[in-house]
């Protein structure tokens, strides 16, 4: 064996012979949570959370805020891309400073994703209130 690593070409080259045990323990614990809740229930809550977020953003009725993610739930996941006309980056920074975890995409998009195992309907409501106030 030489001093340089030469992986096998393709996906097979990414295999590990011995997985990191501590990381595998954390992964196993998270998989147990998914198994306990069930993917159907997670998807149902995800659709409800994202639908609620859509509704609340639409209720703001601002010409400077628009959702550019497809409205059809079969064509998207839980993430919504929100176009902000004007000072979108400033709004993103305000959201972040108030504890909202979201993503900024140039030139004018804030991406938010209510996650069914983590976020509540109250989290979504609070986000909309922060968005409305700013």
C-alpha atoms as a PDB file:
ATOM      1  CA  UNK A   1       0.000   0.000   0.000  1.00  0.00           C
ATOM      2  CA  UNK A   2       1.350   3.399  -0.990  1.00  0.00           C
ATOM      3  CA  UNK A   3       1.256   6.622   1.043  1.00  0.00           C
ATOM      4  CA  UNK A   4      -1.540   8.178  -1.048  1.00  0.00           C
ATOM      5  CA  UNK A   5      -5.224   7.371  -0.867  1.00  0.00           C
ATOM      6  CA  UNK A   6      -6.731   6.290  -4.175  1.00  0.00           C
ATOM      7  CA  UNK A   7     -10.490   5.747  -3.849  1.00  0.00           C
ATOM      8  CA  UNK A   8     -12.434   3.358  -6.050  1.00  0.00           C
ATOM      9  CA  UNK A   9     -14.271   5.264  -8.781  1.00  0.00           C
ATOM     10  CA  UNK A  10     -18.004   5.875  -8.369  1.00  0.00           C
ATOM     11  CA  UNK A  11     -20.255   5.603  -5.330  1.00  0.00           C
ATOM     12  CA  UNK A  12     -18.368   2.573  -4.020  1.00  0.00           C
ATOM     13  CA  UNK A  13     -15.364   4.810  -3.324  1.00  0.00           C
ATOM     14  CA  UNK A  14     -17.353   6.695  -0.657  1.00  0.00           C
ATOM     15  CA  UNK A  15     -17.909   3.636   1.553  1.00  0.00           C
ATOM     16  CA  UNK A  16     -16.396   3.446   5.013  1.00  0.00           C
ATOM     17  CA  UNK A  17     -15.034   0.188   6.271  1.00  0.00           C
ATOM     18  CA  UNK A  18     -15.711   1.115   9.894  1.00  0.00           C
ATOM     19  CA  UNK A  19     -18.413   3.715  10.573  1.00  0.00           C
ATOM     20  CA  UNK A  20     -17.786   6.246  13.382  1.00  0.00           C
ATOM     21  CA  UNK A  21     -19.518   4.626  16.363  1.00  0.00           C
ATOM     22  CA  UNK A  22     -20.560   7.797  18.254  1.00  0.00           C
ATOM     23  CA  UNK A  23     -22.050   9.331  15.117  1.00  0.00           C
ATOM     24  CA  UNK A  24     -23.865   6.088  14.369  1.00  0.00           C
ATOM     25  CA  UNK A  25     -25.386   6.102  17.878  1.00  0.00           C
ATOM     26  CA  UNK A  26     -26.806   9.590  17.288  1.00  0.00           C
ATOM     27  CA  UNK A  27     -28.084   8.559  13.865  1.00  0.00           C
ATOM     28  CA  UNK A  28     -29.739   5.467  15.331  1.00  0.00           C
ATOM     29  CA  UNK A  29     -31.480   7.549  18.001  1.00  0.00           C
ATOM     30  CA  UNK A  30     -32.824   9.950  15.381  1.00  0.00           C
ATOM     31  CA  UNK A  31     -34.016   7.079  13.183  1.00  0.00           C
ATOM     32  CA  UNK A  32     -35.921   5.650  16.160  1.00  0.00           C
ATOM     33  CA  UNK A  33     -37.781   8.965  16.499  1.00  0.00           C
ATOM     34  CA  UNK A  34     -38.736   8.878  12.820  1.00  0.00           C
ATOM     35  CA  UNK A  35     -39.890   5.255  13.192  1.00  0.00           C
ATOM     36  CA  UNK A  36     -41.930   6.086  16.301  1.00  0.00           C
ATOM     37  CA  UNK A  37     -43.728   9.034  14.712  1.00  0.00           C
ATOM     38  CA  UNK A  38     -44.058   7.570  11.225  1.00  0.00           C
ATOM     39  CA  UNK A  39     -43.456   9.248   7.895  1.00  0.00           C
ATOM     40  CA  UNK A  40     -47.170   9.630   7.103  1.00  0.00           C
ATOM     41  CA  UNK A  41     -47.769  11.659  10.266  1.00  0.00           C
ATOM     42  CA  UNK A  42     -44.622  13.727   9.662  1.00  0.00           C
ATOM     43  CA  UNK A  43     -45.690  14.517   6.096  1.00  0.00           C
ATOM     44  CA  UNK A  44     -49.214  15.406   7.237  1.00  0.00           C
ATOM     45  CA  UNK A  45     -47.925  17.825   9.883  1.00  0.00           C
ATOM     46  CA  UNK A  46     -45.406  19.244   7.430  1.00  0.00           C
ATOM     47  CA  UNK A  47     -48.178  19.993   4.928  1.00  0.00           C
ATOM     48  CA  UNK A  48     -50.295  21.622   7.650  1.00  0.00           C
ATOM     49  CA  UNK A  49     -47.420  23.745   8.991  1.00  0.00           C
ATOM     50  CA  UNK A  50     -46.411  24.942   5.535  1.00  0.00           C
ATOM     51  CA  UNK A  51     -50.031  25.577   4.556  1.00  0.00           C
ATOM     52  CA  UNK A  52     -50.522  27.603   7.731  1.00  0.00           C
ATOM     53  CA  UNK A  53     -47.368  29.584   6.961  1.00  0.00           C
ATOM     54  CA  UNK A  54     -48.669  30.284   3.438  1.00  0.00           C
ATOM     55  CA  UNK A  55     -51.989  31.452   4.856  1.00  0.00           C
ATOM     56  CA  UNK A  56     -50.349  33.780   7.385  1.00  0.00           C
ATOM     57  CA  UNK A  57     -47.999  35.302   4.810  1.00  0.00           C
ATOM     58  CA  UNK A  58     -50.927  35.832   2.434  1.00  0.00           C
ATOM     59  CA  UNK A  59     -52.846  37.547   5.262  1.00  0.00           C
ATOM     60  CA  UNK A  60     -50.063  40.139   5.594  1.00  0.00           C
ATOM     61  CA  UNK A  61     -51.257  41.481   2.220  1.00  0.00           C
ATOM     62  CA  UNK A  62     -48.075  43.336   1.410  1.00  0.00           C
ATOM     63  CA  UNK A  63     -47.052  44.042  -2.172  1.00  0.00           C
ATOM     64  CA  UNK A  64     -43.416  43.766  -1.082  1.00  0.00           C
ATOM     65  CA  UNK A  65     -43.799  40.138   0.099  1.00  0.00           C
ATOM     66  CA  UNK A  66     -44.620  37.256  -2.240  1.00  0.00           C
ATOM     67  CA  UNK A  67     -44.193  33.491  -2.093  1.00  0.00           C
ATOM     68  CA  UNK A  68     -42.411  32.136  -5.163  1.00  0.00           C
ATOM     69  CA  UNK A  69     -42.512  28.456  -4.153  1.00  0.00           C
ATOM     70  CA  UNK A  70     -45.173  26.425  -6.027  1.00  0.00           C
ATOM     71  CA  UNK A  71     -48.556  26.495  -4.246  1.00  0.00           C
ATOM     72  CA  UNK A  72     -49.231  22.830  -5.058  1.00  0.00           C
ATOM     73  CA  UNK A  73     -48.078  20.792  -2.033  1.00  0.00           C
ATOM     74  CA  UNK A  74     -47.221  17.902  -4.361  1.00  0.00           C
ATOM     75  CA  UNK A  75     -44.573  20.091  -6.014  1.00  0.00           C
ATOM     76  CA  UNK A  76     -42.687  21.175  -2.895  1.00  0.00           C
ATOM     77  CA  UNK A  77     -41.495  20.199   0.552  1.00  0.00           C
ATOM     78  CA  UNK A  78     -41.792  22.251   3.724  1.00  0.00           C
ATOM     79  CA  UNK A  79     -39.604  25.130   2.544  1.00  0.00           C
ATOM     80  CA  UNK A  80     -41.117  28.359   1.222  1.00  0.00           C
ATOM     81  CA  UNK A  81     -39.122  30.906  -0.751  1.00  0.00           C
ATOM     82  CA  UNK A  82     -40.360  34.408  -0.011  1.00  0.00           C
ATOM     83  CA  UNK A  83     -39.423  37.263  -2.341  1.00  0.00           C
ATOM     84  CA  UNK A  84     -38.903  40.523  -0.451  1.00  0.00           C
ATOM     85  CA  UNK A  85     -38.919  43.748  -2.449  1.00  0.00           C
ATOM     86  CA  UNK A  86     -36.819  46.460  -0.882  1.00  0.00           C
ATOM     87  CA  UNK A  87     -34.594  45.758   2.103  1.00  0.00           C
ATOM     88  CA  UNK A  88     -34.809  41.967   2.115  1.00  0.00           C
ATOM     89  CA  UNK A  89     -31.334  41.446   3.543  1.00  0.00           C
ATOM     90  CA  UNK A  90     -32.124  43.872   6.386  1.00  0.00           C
ATOM     91  CA  UNK A  91     -35.326  41.921   7.115  1.00  0.00           C
ATOM     92  CA  UNK A  92     -33.389  38.639   7.047  1.00  0.00           C
ATOM     93  CA  UNK A  93     -30.920  40.036   9.590  1.00  0.00           C
ATOM     94  CA  UNK A  94     -33.794  41.207  11.836  1.00  0.00           C
ATOM     95  CA  UNK A  95     -35.415  37.774  11.669  1.00  0.00           C
ATOM     96  CA  UNK A  96     -32.105  36.123  12.531  1.00  0.00           C
ATOM     97  CA  UNK A  97     -31.515  38.503  15.447  1.00  0.00           C
ATOM     98  CA  UNK A  98     -34.944  37.527  16.809  1.00  0.00           C
ATOM     99  CA  UNK A  99     -34.120  33.818  16.776  1.00  0.00           C
ATOM    100  CA  UNK A 100     -35.630  32.844  13.426  1.00  0.00           C
ATOM    101  CA  UNK A 101     -33.478  30.398  11.500  1.00  0.00           C
ATOM    102  CA  UNK A 102     -33.887  31.211   7.827  1.00  0.00           C
ATOM    103  CA  UNK A 103     -31.772  31.443   4.724  1.00  0.00           C
ATOM    104  CA  UNK A 104     -30.966  34.435   2.499  1.00  0.00           C
ATOM    105  CA  UNK A 105     -30.601  34.013  -1.269  1.00  0.00           C
ATOM    106  CA  UNK A 106     -29.501  36.904  -3.457  1.00  0.00           C
ATOM    107  CA  UNK A 107     -30.937  39.021  -4.790  1.00  0.00           C
ATOM    108  CA  UNK A 108     -34.179  39.129  -2.778  1.00  0.00           C
ATOM    109  CA  UNK A 109     -35.311  35.794  -1.306  1.00  0.00           C
ATOM    110  CA  UNK A 110     -35.711  34.574   2.273  1.00  0.00           C
ATOM    111  CA  UNK A 111     -36.217  30.825   2.593  1.00  0.00           C
ATOM    112  CA  UNK A 112     -38.030  29.394   5.612  1.00  0.00           C
ATOM    113  CA  UNK A 113     -38.853  25.782   6.395  1.00  0.00           C
ATOM    114  CA  UNK A 114     -41.100  24.807   9.311  1.00  0.00           C
ATOM    115  CA  UNK A 115     -39.917  21.322  10.269  1.00  0.00           C
ATOM    116  CA  UNK A 116     -42.594  18.964  11.670  1.00  0.00           C
ATOM    117  CA  UNK A 117     -40.408  17.291  14.310  1.00  0.00           C
ATOM    118  CA  UNK A 118     -39.122  20.619  15.616  1.00  0.00           C
ATOM    119  CA  UNK A 119     -41.449  23.518  14.892  1.00  0.00           C
ATOM    120  CA  UNK A 120     -44.921  24.162  16.265  1.00  0.00           C
ATOM    121  CA  UNK A 121     -47.858  26.081  14.855  1.00  0.00           C
ATOM    122  CA  UNK A 122     -47.052  28.774  17.423  1.00  0.00           C
ATOM    123  CA  UNK A 123     -43.519  29.051  15.980  1.00  0.00           C
ATOM    124  CA  UNK A 124     -45.032  29.639  12.543  1.00  0.00           C
ATOM    125  CA  UNK A 125     -47.431  32.243  13.950  1.00  0.00           C
ATOM    126  CA  UNK A 126     -44.607  34.052  15.775  1.00  0.00           C
ATOM    127  CA  UNK A 127     -42.574  34.115  12.556  1.00  0.00           C
ATOM    128  CA  UNK A 128     -45.476  35.714  10.703  1.00  0.00           C
ATOM    129  CA  UNK A 129     -45.862  38.334  13.442  1.00  0.00           C
ATOM    130  CA  UNK A 130     -42.161  39.225  13.226  1.00  0.00           C
ATOM    131  CA  UNK A 131     -42.436  39.375   9.428  1.00  0.00           C
ATOM    132  CA  UNK A 132     -45.514  41.601   9.661  1.00  0.00           C
ATOM    133  CA  UNK A 133     -43.882  43.970  12.171  1.00  0.00           C
ATOM    134  CA  UNK A 134     -40.818  44.485  10.000  1.00  0.00           C
END
